[in-house]
Amino acid sequence: MSTASTRTPESRYGRSSDERADRTLKVVGAVLGALLLALIGWFGYHYVGQNKISGELIGFELAENSVQVHLEVRKDAGVTGYCTVRSQAESGDEVGRADFRFDGDDTRIDKVVTLRTKAAGTTAELLGCHPE
């Protein structure tokens, strides 16, 4: 005795709905993946490519009513910009904030600046650098 097959013959009735759904999901996934890559590229370009001035806080020394901050700034030649630095007390209250300008043709500036504070600060934080 042989058992009769209950499956439909291959290619006789066209594609099954599962195959069409799989193909649709693959197309949608490829489009969404391409959009995600484009979005990451756009953010990367604007964060790295368009940032004409950037800085790094190397170190700081605390005093009674000031903080000596050692900054290293990298910028394009001829670009004028500023970096914002702040200091906080042990309680977390902000005790000082200032903008320090950087201009000229140098592309790398290594400078120690003094941030005046209204009380004893315990930290120094570089909030960011921006071109003018």
N, C-alpha and C. Protein backbone atom coordinates (compact mmCIF):
# COMPACT_ATOMS: atom_id res chain seq x y z
N MET A 1 0.82 -1.18 0.00
CA MET A 1 0.00 0.00 0.00
C MET A 1 0.86 1.24 0.00
N SER A 2 0.44 2.14 -0.76
CA SER A 2 1.16 3.42 -0.78
C SER A 2 0.24 4.51 -0.28
N THR A 3 0.89 5.52 0.29
CA THR A 3 0.13 6.64 0.85
C THR A 3 0.09 7.75 -0.16
N ALA A 4 -1.07 8.33 -0.33
CA ALA A 4 -1.22 9.42 -1.27
C ALA A 4 -0.69 10.71 -0.64
N SER A 5 -0.02 11.53 -1.43
CA SER A 5 0.54 12.79 -0.94
C SER A 5 -0.56 13.84 -0.86
N THR A 6 -0.55 14.59 0.24
CA THR A 6 -1.56 15.63 0.40
C THR A 6 -1.03 17.00 -0.01
N ARG A 7 0.25 17.06 -0.36
CA ARG A 7 0.81 18.34 -0.80
C ARG A 7 0.42 18.61 -2.23
N THR A 8 0.32 19.88 -2.56
CA THR A 8 0.02 20.24 -3.95
C THR A 8 1.30 20.12 -4.76
N PRO A 9 1.19 19.83 -6.01
CA PRO A 9 2.38 19.72 -6.86
C PRO A 9 3.13 21.06 -6.91
N GLU A 10 4.50 21.00 -6.87
CA GLU A 10 5.33 22.20 -6.91
C GLU A 10 5.06 22.97 -8.20
N SER A 11 5.03 24.25 -8.14
CA SER A 11 4.89 25.17 -9.27
C SER A 11 3.59 25.06 -10.03
N ARG A 12 2.67 24.25 -9.57
CA ARG A 12 1.43 24.11 -10.30
C ARG A 12 0.46 25.25 -10.02
N TYR A 13 0.44 25.73 -8.77
CA TYR A 13 -0.53 26.75 -8.39
C TYR A 13 0.13 28.08 -8.06
N GLY A 14 1.36 28.32 -8.47
CA GLY A 14 2.04 29.58 -8.19
C GLY A 14 2.71 29.55 -6.83
N ARG A 15 3.22 30.69 -6.42
CA ARG A 15 3.91 30.76 -5.14
C ARG A 15 2.93 30.69 -3.99
N SER A 16 3.41 30.14 -2.90
CA SER A 16 2.56 30.11 -1.71
C SER A 16 2.60 31.48 -1.05
N SER A 17 1.63 31.72 -0.20
CA SER A 17 1.57 33.02 0.48
C SER A 17 2.75 33.18 1.43
N ASP A 18 3.29 32.10 1.98
CA ASP A 18 4.45 32.19 2.87
C ASP A 18 5.68 32.69 2.12
N GLU A 19 5.89 32.24 0.90
CA GLU A 19 7.04 32.68 0.11
C GLU A 19 6.92 34.16 -0.23
N ARG A 20 5.70 34.61 -0.54
CA ARG A 20 5.50 36.04 -0.83
C ARG A 20 5.75 36.88 0.40
N ALA A 21 5.31 36.42 1.57
CA ALA A 21 5.53 37.15 2.81
C ALA A 21 7.03 37.20 3.14
N ASP A 22 7.74 36.10 2.92
CA ASP A 22 9.19 36.08 3.17
C ASP A 22 9.90 37.10 2.28
N ARG A 23 9.53 37.15 1.01
CA ARG A 23 10.16 38.09 0.09
C ARG A 23 9.85 39.53 0.49
N THR A 24 8.62 39.79 0.89
CA THR A 24 8.24 41.14 1.33
C THR A 24 9.03 41.54 2.57
N LEU A 25 9.18 40.63 3.52
CA LEU A 25 9.95 40.93 4.72
C LEU A 25 11.42 41.20 4.40
N LYS A 26 11.98 40.47 3.46
CA LYS A 26 13.37 40.70 3.06
C LYS A 26 13.54 42.08 2.44
N VAL A 27 12.61 42.47 1.59
CA VAL A 27 12.69 43.79 0.95
C VAL A 27 12.54 44.90 1.99
N VAL A 28 11.57 44.78 2.88
CA VAL A 28 11.37 45.78 3.92
C VAL A 28 12.59 45.86 4.83
N GLY A 29 13.16 44.72 5.19
CA GLY A 29 14.35 44.70 6.03
C GLY A 29 15.54 45.35 5.35
N ALA A 30 15.73 45.11 4.06
CA ALA A 30 16.83 45.73 3.32
C ALA A 30 16.67 47.25 3.26
N VAL A 31 15.44 47.72 3.02
CA VAL A 31 15.19 49.16 2.96
C VAL A 31 15.42 49.81 4.31
N LEU A 32 14.93 49.20 5.37
CA LEU A 32 15.13 49.76 6.71
C LEU A 32 16.61 49.74 7.10
N GLY A 33 17.33 48.70 6.73
CA GLY A 33 18.77 48.64 7.00
C GLY A 33 19.53 49.74 6.28
N ALA A 34 19.17 49.99 5.01
CA ALA A 34 19.81 51.06 4.24
C ALA A 34 19.52 52.42 4.86
N LEU A 35 18.29 52.63 5.31
CA LEU A 35 17.94 53.91 5.96
C LEU A 35 18.70 54.09 7.26
N LEU A 36 18.88 53.03 8.03
CA LEU A 36 19.64 53.11 9.28
C LEU A 36 21.10 53.46 9.00
N LEU A 37 21.70 52.85 8.01
CA LEU A 37 23.08 53.17 7.65
C LEU A 37 23.22 54.62 7.19
N ALA A 38 22.25 55.10 6.42
CA ALA A 38 22.28 56.50 5.97
C ALA A 38 22.16 57.45 7.15
N LEU A 39 21.32 57.13 8.11
CA LEU A 39 21.15 57.97 9.30
C LEU A 39 22.42 58.00 10.14
N ILE A 40 23.06 56.85 10.32
CA ILE A 40 24.32 56.81 11.07
C ILE A 40 25.40 57.62 10.35
N GLY A 41 25.47 57.51 9.05
CA GLY A 41 26.43 58.29 8.27
C GLY A 41 26.18 59.78 8.38
N TRP A 42 24.92 60.19 8.35
CA TRP A 42 24.58 61.61 8.46
C TRP A 42 24.99 62.16 9.82
N PHE A 43 24.67 61.43 10.90
CA PHE A 43 25.06 61.88 12.23
C PHE A 43 26.58 61.92 12.37
N GLY A 44 27.26 60.91 11.83
CA GLY A 44 28.72 60.89 11.90
C GLY A 44 29.34 62.06 11.17
N TYR A 45 28.83 62.40 10.01
CA TYR A 45 29.36 63.53 9.24
C TYR A 45 29.17 64.83 10.00
N HIS A 46 28.00 65.05 10.57
CA HIS A 46 27.74 66.30 11.27
C HIS A 46 28.47 66.38 12.60
N TYR A 47 28.74 65.24 13.23
CA TYR A 47 29.45 65.25 14.50
C TYR A 47 30.96 65.42 14.30
N VAL A 48 31.51 64.71 13.32
CA VAL A 48 32.96 64.74 13.11
C VAL A 48 33.34 65.72 12.01
N GLY A 49 32.67 65.64 10.87
CA GLY A 49 33.05 66.45 9.71
C GLY A 49 32.76 67.93 9.86
N GLN A 50 31.68 68.27 10.51
CA GLN A 50 31.29 69.67 10.63
C GLN A 50 31.82 70.34 11.88
N ASN A 51 32.39 69.57 12.80
CA ASN A 51 32.90 70.14 14.04
C ASN A 51 34.27 70.74 13.76
N LYS A 52 34.35 72.06 13.63
CA LYS A 52 35.59 72.73 13.26
C LYS A 52 36.47 73.04 14.45
N ILE A 53 35.98 72.81 15.66
CA ILE A 53 36.77 73.04 16.86
C ILE A 53 36.36 72.01 17.91
N SER A 54 37.35 71.41 18.53
CA SER A 54 37.06 70.44 19.59
C SER A 54 38.12 70.60 20.67
N GLY A 55 37.77 70.19 21.87
CA GLY A 55 38.69 70.35 22.98
C GLY A 55 38.70 69.15 23.89
N GLU A 56 39.73 69.11 24.71
CA GLU A 56 39.88 68.03 25.68
C GLU A 56 40.43 68.62 26.97
N LEU A 57 39.83 68.27 28.08
CA LEU A 57 40.30 68.72 29.38
C LEU A 57 41.39 67.75 29.82
N ILE A 58 42.63 68.25 29.93
CA ILE A 58 43.77 67.42 30.29
C ILE A 58 43.86 67.24 31.80
N GLY A 59 43.62 68.31 32.55
CA GLY A 59 43.69 68.23 34.00
C GLY A 59 43.28 69.55 34.62
N PHE A 60 43.20 69.58 35.94
CA PHE A 60 42.84 70.81 36.64
C PHE A 60 43.44 70.81 38.04
N GLU A 61 43.63 72.04 38.56
CA GLU A 61 44.11 72.23 39.93
C GLU A 61 43.13 73.15 40.65
N LEU A 62 42.77 72.76 41.86
CA LEU A 62 41.78 73.52 42.63
C LEU A 62 42.47 74.54 43.51
N ALA A 63 41.82 75.71 43.68
CA ALA A 63 42.26 76.74 44.61
C ALA A 63 41.01 77.20 45.37
N GLU A 64 41.17 78.19 46.25
CA GLU A 64 40.07 78.66 47.09
C GLU A 64 38.90 79.19 46.26
N ASN A 65 39.17 80.14 45.37
CA ASN A 65 38.10 80.74 44.56
C ASN A 65 38.39 80.66 43.07
N SER A 66 39.11 79.63 42.64
CA SER A 66 39.38 79.46 41.22
C SER A 66 39.80 78.02 40.95
N VAL A 67 39.78 77.71 39.67
CA VAL A 67 40.24 76.39 39.21
C VAL A 67 41.13 76.64 37.99
N GLN A 68 42.34 76.12 38.03
CA GLN A 68 43.25 76.18 36.89
C GLN A 68 42.94 74.97 36.00
N VAL A 69 42.55 75.23 34.76
CA VAL A 69 42.11 74.17 33.85
C VAL A 69 43.09 74.09 32.68
N HIS A 70 43.62 72.91 32.43
CA HIS A 70 44.52 72.67 31.30
C HIS A 70 43.69 72.11 30.14
N LEU A 71 43.60 72.90 29.06
CA LEU A 71 42.81 72.52 27.88
C LEU A 71 43.72 72.27 26.69
N GLU A 72 43.34 71.30 25.88
CA GLU A 72 43.97 71.09 24.59
C GLU A 72 42.87 71.24 23.54
N VAL A 73 43.04 72.23 22.67
CA VAL A 73 42.01 72.55 21.68
C VAL A 73 42.56 72.27 20.29
N ARG A 74 41.78 71.57 19.47
CA ARG A 74 42.11 71.33 18.08
C ARG A 74 41.04 71.99 17.21
N LYS A 75 41.51 72.73 16.19
CA LYS A 75 40.58 73.46 15.34
C LYS A 75 41.17 73.62 13.95
N ASP A 76 40.34 74.01 13.02
CA ASP A 76 40.82 74.32 11.68
C ASP A 76 41.56 75.65 11.72
N ALA A 77 42.53 75.82 10.82
CA ALA A 77 43.30 77.06 10.77
C ALA A 77 42.38 78.23 10.45
N GLY A 78 42.53 79.30 11.20
CA GLY A 78 41.74 80.50 10.97
C GLY A 78 40.36 80.49 11.60
N VAL A 79 39.96 79.40 12.22
CA VAL A 79 38.64 79.31 12.84
C VAL A 79 38.70 79.94 14.23
N THR A 80 37.71 80.74 14.54
CA THR A 80 37.58 81.33 15.87
C THR A 80 36.46 80.61 16.59
N GLY A 81 36.70 80.29 17.85
CA GLY A 81 35.69 79.59 18.61
C GLY A 81 35.90 79.76 20.09
N TYR A 82 35.06 79.08 20.86
CA TYR A 82 35.15 79.16 22.31
C TYR A 82 34.81 77.81 22.92
N CYS A 83 35.38 77.57 24.10
CA CYS A 83 35.09 76.36 24.86
C CYS A 83 34.48 76.77 26.19
N THR A 84 33.46 76.06 26.62
CA THR A 84 32.77 76.35 27.87
C THR A 84 33.22 75.36 28.94
N VAL A 85 33.65 75.91 30.08
CA VAL A 85 34.12 75.11 31.19
C VAL A 85 33.30 75.46 32.42
N ARG A 86 33.01 74.47 33.25
CA ARG A 86 32.29 74.74 34.50
C ARG A 86 32.93 73.96 35.64
N SER A 87 32.64 74.45 36.86
CA SER A 87 33.10 73.79 38.07
C SER A 87 31.91 73.63 39.00
N GLN A 88 31.91 72.53 39.75
CA GLN A 88 30.85 72.26 40.70
C GLN A 88 31.43 72.06 42.09
N ALA A 89 30.62 72.40 43.09
CA ALA A 89 30.99 72.16 44.48
C ALA A 89 30.72 70.70 44.82
N GLU A 90 31.10 70.29 45.99
CA GLU A 90 30.89 68.92 46.42
C GLU A 90 29.40 68.57 46.46
N SER A 91 28.56 69.55 46.72
CA SER A 91 27.11 69.33 46.77
C SER A 91 26.49 69.16 45.40
N GLY A 92 27.25 69.47 44.34
CA GLY A 92 26.72 69.38 42.98
C GLY A 92 26.29 70.72 42.42
N ASP A 93 26.27 71.77 43.25
CA ASP A 93 25.91 73.10 42.78
C ASP A 93 27.01 73.65 41.88
N GLU A 94 26.61 74.34 40.83
CA GLU A 94 27.58 74.96 39.94
C GLU A 94 28.14 76.21 40.62
N VAL A 95 29.47 76.29 40.72
CA VAL A 95 30.09 77.44 41.39
C VAL A 95 30.86 78.32 40.40
N GLY A 96 30.99 77.88 39.17
CA GLY A 96 31.65 78.71 38.17
C GLY A 96 31.45 78.16 36.78
N ARG A 97 31.32 79.09 35.82
CA ARG A 97 31.17 78.72 34.41
C ARG A 97 31.73 79.87 33.59
N ALA A 98 32.49 79.55 32.55
CA ALA A 98 33.06 80.60 31.70
C ALA A 98 33.32 80.04 30.31
N ASP A 99 33.33 80.96 29.33
CA ASP A 99 33.69 80.66 27.96
C ASP A 99 35.10 81.20 27.72
N PHE A 100 35.94 80.39 27.11
CA PHE A 100 37.30 80.81 26.79
C PHE A 100 37.46 80.78 25.28
N ARG A 101 37.89 81.94 24.71
CA ARG A 101 38.01 82.09 23.25
C ARG A 101 39.34 81.55 22.76
N PHE A 102 39.29 80.96 21.57
CA PHE A 102 40.49 80.47 20.90
C PHE A 102 40.42 80.91 19.45
N ASP A 103 41.43 81.64 19.00
CA ASP A 103 41.46 82.11 17.62
C ASP A 103 42.89 82.02 17.10
N GLY A 104 43.10 82.49 15.91
CA GLY A 104 44.43 82.43 15.30
C GLY A 104 44.52 81.30 14.30
N ASP A 105 45.73 81.15 13.76
CA ASP A 105 45.95 80.14 12.72
C ASP A 105 46.44 78.81 13.25
N ASP A 106 46.75 78.73 14.55
CA ASP A 106 47.21 77.47 15.11
C ASP A 106 46.09 76.43 15.05
N THR A 107 46.45 75.19 14.71
CA THR A 107 45.45 74.13 14.65
C THR A 107 45.39 73.33 15.95
N ARG A 108 46.41 73.47 16.80
CA ARG A 108 46.43 72.79 18.09
C ARG A 108 46.91 73.79 19.14
N ILE A 109 46.09 74.02 20.14
CA ILE A 109 46.40 74.98 21.19
C ILE A 109 46.38 74.24 22.52
N ASP A 110 47.46 74.37 23.27
CA ASP A 110 47.60 73.76 24.59
C ASP A 110 47.70 74.91 25.58
N LYS A 111 46.67 75.12 26.40
CA LYS A 111 46.60 76.33 27.22
C LYS A 111 46.02 76.02 28.60
N VAL A 112 46.54 76.73 29.60
CA VAL A 112 46.00 76.66 30.96
C VAL A 112 45.20 77.93 31.18
N VAL A 113 43.92 77.80 31.54
CA VAL A 113 43.04 78.95 31.78
C VAL A 113 42.58 78.91 33.23
N THR A 114 42.18 80.08 33.73
CA THR A 114 41.71 80.19 35.12
C THR A 114 40.22 80.44 35.12
N LEU A 115 39.50 79.56 35.79
CA LEU A 115 38.06 79.68 35.96
C LEU A 115 37.79 80.20 37.37
N ARG A 116 37.25 81.39 37.47
CA ARG A 116 36.92 81.97 38.78
C ARG A 116 35.65 81.31 39.30
N THR A 117 35.63 81.03 40.60
CA THR A 117 34.46 80.38 41.21
C THR A 117 33.97 81.22 42.38
N LYS A 118 32.68 81.09 42.70
CA LYS A 118 32.10 81.83 43.83
C LYS A 118 32.27 81.10 45.16
N ALA A 119 32.68 79.84 45.11
CA ALA A 119 32.97 79.03 46.29
C ALA A 119 33.99 77.98 45.87
N ALA A 120 34.45 77.19 46.81
CA ALA A 120 35.44 76.17 46.49
C ALA A 120 34.84 75.12 45.57
N GLY A 121 35.45 74.94 44.41
CA GLY A 121 34.99 73.92 43.47
C GLY A 121 35.74 72.61 43.68
N THR A 122 35.12 71.53 43.33
CA THR A 122 35.76 70.22 43.46
C THR A 122 36.00 69.55 42.11
N THR A 123 35.43 70.10 41.05
CA THR A 123 35.57 69.51 39.72
C THR A 123 35.80 70.58 38.67
N ALA A 124 36.22 70.16 37.51
CA ALA A 124 36.25 70.99 36.31
C ALA A 124 35.73 70.13 35.18
N GLU A 125 34.85 70.68 34.38
CA GLU A 125 34.22 69.91 33.32
C GLU A 125 34.17 70.75 32.06
N LEU A 126 34.63 70.18 30.94
CA LEU A 126 34.52 70.82 29.65
C LEU A 126 33.16 70.49 29.08
N LEU A 127 32.32 71.50 28.92
CA LEU A 127 30.96 71.27 28.42
C LEU A 127 30.91 71.16 26.90
N GLY A 128 31.87 71.80 26.22
CA GLY A 128 31.91 71.70 24.77
C GLY A 128 32.62 72.88 24.15
N CYS A 129 32.98 72.73 22.87
CA CYS A 129 33.63 73.78 22.11
C CYS A 129 32.78 74.05 20.87
N HIS A 130 32.69 75.33 20.48
CA HIS A 130 31.81 75.72 19.38
C HIS A 130 32.50 76.77 18.53
N PRO A 131 32.37 76.67 17.19
CA PRO A 131 32.91 77.71 16.32
C PRO A 131 32.00 78.94 16.35
N GLU A 132 32.58 80.07 16.05
CA GLU A 132 31.77 81.31 16.01
C GLU A 132 31.40 81.66 14.60
